[in-house]
Every structure is written in structure tokens, then in C-alpha cells.
Protein backbone atom coordinates (compact mmCIF):
# COMPACT_ATOMS: atom_id res chain seq x y z
CA MET A 1 -14.62 -18.67 18.49
CA PRO A 2 -13.48 -16.38 21.31
CA ARG A 3 -13.45 -12.68 20.54
CA ASP A 4 -9.67 -12.31 21.00
CA THR A 5 -9.10 -15.09 18.46
CA LEU A 6 -11.43 -13.37 16.00
CA THR A 7 -9.66 -10.05 16.50
CA ARG A 8 -6.27 -11.68 16.01
CA GLN A 9 -7.41 -13.37 12.79
CA ILE A 10 -8.89 -10.13 11.46
CA HIS A 11 -5.62 -8.31 12.13
CA HIS A 12 -3.73 -11.07 10.36
CA LEU A 13 -6.03 -10.74 7.35
CA LEU A 14 -5.54 -6.98 7.33
CA ASP A 15 -1.78 -7.51 7.29
CA GLU A 16 -2.17 -9.94 4.39
CA VAL A 17 -4.28 -7.43 2.44
CA LEU A 18 -1.64 -4.74 3.00
CA LEU A 19 1.04 -7.13 1.77
CA LEU A 20 -1.06 -7.90 -1.29
CA GLY A 21 -1.43 -4.19 -1.96
CA SER A 22 2.33 -3.75 -1.77
CA MET A 23 2.84 -6.63 -4.18
CA VAL A 24 0.39 -5.09 -6.64
CA GLU A 25 1.98 -1.66 -6.30
CA GLN A 26 5.44 -3.07 -7.02
CA ALA A 27 4.13 -5.06 -9.98
CA MET A 28 2.47 -1.96 -11.43
CA LEU A 29 5.61 0.14 -11.05
CA SER A 30 7.66 -2.60 -12.69
CA ALA A 31 5.12 -2.92 -15.50
CA VAL A 32 5.21 0.81 -16.24
CA ASP A 33 9.01 0.81 -16.30
CA THR A 34 9.00 -2.23 -18.55
CA LEU A 35 6.58 -0.58 -20.96
CA ARG A 36 8.68 2.56 -21.08
CA GLN A 37 11.79 0.51 -21.83
CA ARG A 38 9.92 -1.81 -24.21
CA ASP A 39 11.61 -4.77 -22.54
CA VAL A 40 9.79 -7.90 -23.69
CA LYS A 41 11.78 -10.26 -21.44
CA ALA A 42 11.05 -8.18 -18.34
CA ALA A 43 7.38 -8.06 -19.33
CA ALA A 44 7.31 -11.86 -19.48
CA ARG A 45 8.86 -12.06 -16.00
CA ILE A 46 6.25 -9.64 -14.63
CA TYR A 47 3.48 -11.67 -16.24
CA GLU A 48 4.81 -14.87 -14.66
CA SER A 49 5.18 -13.26 -11.23
CA ASP A 50 1.55 -12.17 -11.39
CA GLN A 51 0.66 -15.72 -10.37
CA GLN A 52 2.02 -14.98 -6.88
CA ILE A 53 -0.36 -12.04 -6.60
CA ASN A 54 -3.27 -14.20 -7.73
CA ASP A 55 -2.33 -16.94 -5.27
CA LYS A 56 -2.17 -14.41 -2.41
CA ARG A 57 -5.57 -12.99 -3.39
CA PHE A 58 -7.24 -16.40 -3.44
CA ALA A 59 -5.61 -17.36 -0.12
CA ILE A 60 -7.00 -14.18 1.47
CA GLU A 61 -10.46 -14.81 0.02
CA ASN A 62 -10.41 -18.37 1.33
CA ALA A 63 -9.30 -17.24 4.79
CA VAL A 64 -12.08 -14.64 4.89
CA LEU A 65 -14.70 -17.20 3.90
CA ILE A 66 -13.48 -19.60 6.57
CA LEU A 67 -13.51 -16.84 9.16
CA ILE A 68 -17.07 -15.87 8.24
CA ALA A 69 -18.25 -19.48 8.19
CA THR A 70 -16.87 -20.17 11.65
CA GLN A 71 -18.54 -17.17 13.26
């Protein structure tokens, strides 16, 4: 793999990790607010949306493994 392709893929992965961090931060803030308000329905929605965070995490891990394997 050419070096510029590797660099581009690494930058893309960094962007994805930053996006994941933002998703986690928003979920945590929402969870704290939900706990303070004792809103069971909102807590259920947060729990369900956690799957998106998990999916993003596994996609990043997979992309990293592919990148390493192809180097």
C-alpha cells in the first residue's frame, strides 16, 4: 500500500475515533440528565441508542485490523 494511501486511511480512522468520542460524550451527558430526572423512558432510549456506539466501535476495530493486516 502506498504511503499516501496509508496516511489517508489513518486520518480517516482518527476522524472516526473522534466521532465515536463525541457520540459517547453525548450519550453520557444524556444519561446523567436522565438519571437526574428519573426518566425511565428516556433511559430506555439511551440504552437502545448505545447499539450505534457499539457498532461504530466494532467498525473502527475492524478497519484498524484490516489496515494492519495489509501493511
